[in-house]
N, C-alpha and C. Protein backbone atom coordinates (compact mmCIF):
# COMPACT_ATOMS: atom_id res chain seq x y z
N MET A 1 -28.66 -31.66 -68.18
CA MET A 1 -28.48 -31.09 -69.51
C MET A 1 -27.31 -31.79 -70.22
N PRO A 2 -27.53 -32.35 -71.41
CA PRO A 2 -26.45 -33.06 -72.10
C PRO A 2 -25.33 -32.11 -72.50
N GLN A 3 -24.12 -32.67 -72.54
CA GLN A 3 -22.97 -31.88 -72.96
C GLN A 3 -23.07 -31.57 -74.45
N LYS A 4 -22.61 -30.40 -74.82
CA LYS A 4 -22.61 -30.02 -76.23
C LYS A 4 -21.57 -30.86 -76.98
N ASP A 5 -21.93 -31.27 -78.17
CA ASP A 5 -21.00 -32.05 -78.99
C ASP A 5 -19.81 -31.16 -79.35
N PRO A 6 -18.58 -31.60 -79.05
CA PRO A 6 -17.41 -30.75 -79.28
C PRO A 6 -17.14 -30.45 -80.75
N CYS A 7 -17.66 -31.26 -81.66
CA CYS A 7 -17.39 -31.04 -83.09
C CYS A 7 -18.63 -30.60 -83.86
N GLN A 8 -19.68 -30.22 -83.15
CA GLN A 8 -20.92 -29.78 -83.78
C GLN A 8 -20.70 -28.59 -84.71
N LYS A 9 -19.88 -27.64 -84.26
CA LYS A 9 -19.62 -26.43 -85.06
C LYS A 9 -19.05 -26.80 -86.43
N GLN A 10 -18.08 -27.71 -86.46
CA GLN A 10 -17.46 -28.12 -87.72
C GLN A 10 -18.47 -28.84 -88.61
N ALA A 11 -19.33 -29.65 -88.01
CA ALA A 11 -20.35 -30.36 -88.79
C ALA A 11 -21.31 -29.37 -89.43
N CYS A 12 -21.68 -28.33 -88.69
CA CYS A 12 -22.57 -27.31 -89.24
C CYS A 12 -21.89 -26.54 -90.37
N GLU A 13 -20.59 -26.30 -90.22
CA GLU A 13 -19.85 -25.60 -91.27
C GLU A 13 -19.82 -26.43 -92.56
N ILE A 14 -19.70 -27.73 -92.42
CA ILE A 14 -19.72 -28.61 -93.60
C ILE A 14 -21.08 -28.50 -94.30
N GLN A 15 -22.15 -28.55 -93.53
CA GLN A 15 -23.49 -28.45 -94.12
C GLN A 15 -23.66 -27.12 -94.86
N LYS A 16 -23.22 -26.04 -94.23
CA LYS A 16 -23.32 -24.72 -94.88
C LYS A 16 -22.53 -24.68 -96.17
N CYS A 17 -21.31 -25.23 -96.12
CA CYS A 17 -20.45 -25.24 -97.31
C CYS A 17 -21.08 -26.07 -98.43
N LEU A 18 -21.56 -27.24 -98.09
CA LEU A 18 -22.17 -28.10 -99.10
C LEU A 18 -23.39 -27.43 -99.74
N GLN A 19 -24.23 -26.82 -98.92
CA GLN A 19 -25.41 -26.13 -99.46
C GLN A 19 -25.00 -24.98 -100.38
N ALA A 20 -23.98 -24.24 -99.98
CA ALA A 20 -23.53 -23.09 -100.77
C ALA A 20 -22.86 -23.51 -102.07
N ASN A 21 -22.35 -24.75 -102.12
CA ASN A 21 -21.61 -25.22 -103.29
C ASN A 21 -22.31 -26.35 -104.02
N ASN A 22 -23.64 -26.36 -103.95
CA ASN A 22 -24.42 -27.35 -104.69
C ASN A 22 -24.00 -28.79 -104.37
N TYR A 23 -23.66 -29.03 -103.09
CA TYR A 23 -23.30 -30.35 -102.58
C TYR A 23 -22.10 -30.99 -103.29
N MET A 24 -21.17 -30.15 -103.71
CA MET A 24 -19.93 -30.65 -104.32
C MET A 24 -18.88 -30.76 -103.21
N GLU A 25 -18.64 -31.99 -102.75
CA GLU A 25 -17.70 -32.21 -101.65
C GLU A 25 -16.31 -31.67 -101.94
N SER A 26 -15.91 -31.71 -103.21
CA SER A 26 -14.56 -31.25 -103.57
C SER A 26 -14.34 -29.79 -103.20
N LYS A 27 -15.40 -29.00 -103.15
CA LYS A 27 -15.27 -27.58 -102.80
C LYS A 27 -15.25 -27.35 -101.30
N CYS A 28 -15.45 -28.39 -100.52
CA CYS A 28 -15.54 -28.24 -99.07
C CYS A 28 -14.47 -29.05 -98.34
N GLN A 29 -13.41 -29.42 -99.03
CA GLN A 29 -12.39 -30.27 -98.41
C GLN A 29 -11.75 -29.63 -97.19
N ALA A 30 -11.56 -28.32 -97.20
CA ALA A 30 -10.93 -27.64 -96.05
C ALA A 30 -11.80 -27.77 -94.80
N VAL A 31 -13.12 -27.62 -94.95
CA VAL A 31 -14.02 -27.71 -93.80
C VAL A 31 -14.13 -29.16 -93.34
N ILE A 32 -14.11 -30.09 -94.27
CA ILE A 32 -14.16 -31.51 -93.93
C ILE A 32 -12.89 -31.88 -93.15
N GLN A 33 -11.76 -31.34 -93.57
CA GLN A 33 -10.50 -31.60 -92.87
C GLN A 33 -10.54 -31.06 -91.44
N GLU A 34 -11.20 -29.93 -91.24
CA GLU A 34 -11.34 -29.37 -89.90
C GLU A 34 -12.14 -30.31 -89.00
N LEU A 35 -13.18 -30.93 -89.55
CA LEU A 35 -13.95 -31.90 -88.77
C LEU A 35 -13.09 -33.11 -88.44
N ARG A 36 -12.30 -33.57 -89.40
CA ARG A 36 -11.40 -34.71 -89.13
C ARG A 36 -10.45 -34.38 -87.99
N LYS A 37 -9.89 -33.16 -88.02
CA LYS A 37 -8.97 -32.74 -86.95
C LYS A 37 -9.68 -32.72 -85.60
N CYS A 38 -10.90 -32.19 -85.59
CA CYS A 38 -11.67 -32.13 -84.35
C CYS A 38 -11.94 -33.55 -83.84
N CYS A 39 -12.35 -34.43 -84.70
CA CYS A 39 -12.65 -35.81 -84.29
C CYS A 39 -11.41 -36.51 -83.76
N ALA A 40 -10.26 -36.20 -84.32
CA ALA A 40 -9.01 -36.82 -83.87
C ALA A 40 -8.64 -36.39 -82.46
N ARG A 41 -9.16 -35.24 -82.03
CA ARG A 41 -8.85 -34.72 -80.69
C ARG A 41 -9.63 -35.42 -79.58
N TYR A 42 -10.70 -36.11 -79.93
CA TYR A 42 -11.58 -36.69 -78.92
C TYR A 42 -11.64 -38.21 -79.06
N PRO A 43 -11.77 -38.93 -77.94
CA PRO A 43 -11.88 -40.39 -78.02
C PRO A 43 -13.18 -40.81 -78.70
N LYS A 44 -13.16 -41.99 -79.30
CA LYS A 44 -14.38 -42.50 -79.96
C LYS A 44 -15.53 -42.50 -78.97
N GLY A 45 -16.70 -42.10 -79.43
CA GLY A 45 -17.87 -42.08 -78.57
C GLY A 45 -18.09 -40.74 -77.88
N ARG A 46 -17.11 -39.88 -77.88
CA ARG A 46 -17.24 -38.58 -77.21
C ARG A 46 -18.12 -37.63 -78.04
N SER A 47 -18.03 -37.73 -79.35
CA SER A 47 -18.77 -36.85 -80.24
C SER A 47 -19.72 -37.66 -81.11
N LEU A 48 -21.00 -37.36 -81.02
CA LEU A 48 -22.00 -38.04 -81.85
C LEU A 48 -21.74 -37.74 -83.33
N VAL A 49 -21.37 -36.50 -83.63
CA VAL A 49 -21.04 -36.09 -85.00
C VAL A 49 -19.93 -36.98 -85.55
N CYS A 50 -18.90 -37.19 -84.76
CA CYS A 50 -17.75 -37.97 -85.22
C CYS A 50 -18.08 -39.44 -85.39
N SER A 51 -19.02 -39.97 -84.62
CA SER A 51 -19.34 -41.39 -84.76
C SER A 51 -19.86 -41.68 -86.16
N GLY A 52 -20.68 -40.82 -86.71
CA GLY A 52 -21.16 -40.99 -88.08
C GLY A 52 -20.07 -40.78 -89.09
N PHE A 53 -19.22 -39.81 -88.83
CA PHE A 53 -18.12 -39.49 -89.72
C PHE A 53 -17.10 -40.62 -89.75
N GLU A 54 -16.81 -41.22 -88.59
CA GLU A 54 -15.86 -42.33 -88.51
C GLU A 54 -16.38 -43.54 -89.26
N LYS A 55 -17.68 -43.80 -89.19
CA LYS A 55 -18.26 -44.92 -89.94
C LYS A 55 -18.11 -44.70 -91.44
N GLU A 56 -18.31 -43.47 -91.88
CA GLU A 56 -18.14 -43.12 -93.30
C GLU A 56 -16.70 -43.36 -93.72
N GLU A 57 -15.74 -42.95 -92.89
CA GLU A 57 -14.32 -43.14 -93.18
C GLU A 57 -14.00 -44.64 -93.28
N GLU A 58 -14.53 -45.45 -92.36
CA GLU A 58 -14.30 -46.90 -92.37
C GLU A 58 -14.85 -47.51 -93.65
N ASN A 59 -16.03 -47.11 -94.07
CA ASN A 59 -16.62 -47.64 -95.30
C ASN A 59 -15.76 -47.30 -96.51
N LEU A 60 -15.24 -46.08 -96.57
CA LEU A 60 -14.38 -45.70 -97.68
C LEU A 60 -13.09 -46.52 -97.69
N THR A 61 -12.53 -46.76 -96.52
CA THR A 61 -11.31 -47.55 -96.41
C THR A 61 -11.58 -48.99 -96.86
N LEU A 62 -12.69 -49.56 -96.44
CA LEU A 62 -13.03 -50.93 -96.83
C LEU A 62 -13.23 -51.03 -98.33
N LYS A 63 -13.93 -50.08 -98.92
CA LYS A 63 -14.19 -50.10 -100.36
C LYS A 63 -12.90 -49.98 -101.16
N SER A 64 -12.01 -49.07 -100.76
CA SER A 64 -10.78 -48.87 -101.52
C SER A 64 -9.82 -50.04 -101.34
N GLY A 65 -9.90 -50.73 -100.21
CA GLY A 65 -9.04 -51.87 -99.95
C GLY A 65 -9.47 -53.13 -100.66
N SER A 66 -10.70 -53.18 -101.12
CA SER A 66 -11.22 -54.41 -101.73
C SER A 66 -11.11 -54.43 -103.24
N LYS A 67 -10.45 -53.45 -103.82
CA LYS A 67 -10.31 -53.39 -105.30
C LYS A 67 -9.28 -54.36 -105.80
């Protein structure tokens, strides 16, 4: 039986928040921050949820650095 993703709960909370707020990320910053904190607690590759989130963070960093 595969191990449960340690940050799955936070990812689900983000989805619930986004749905409740018409997908306005600005209204869900607190829940997004909780996922960031969770991802920071685990090494890369430990959480499937975080692997997608980390790629998103890298893309944002690359885009903002290339201006």
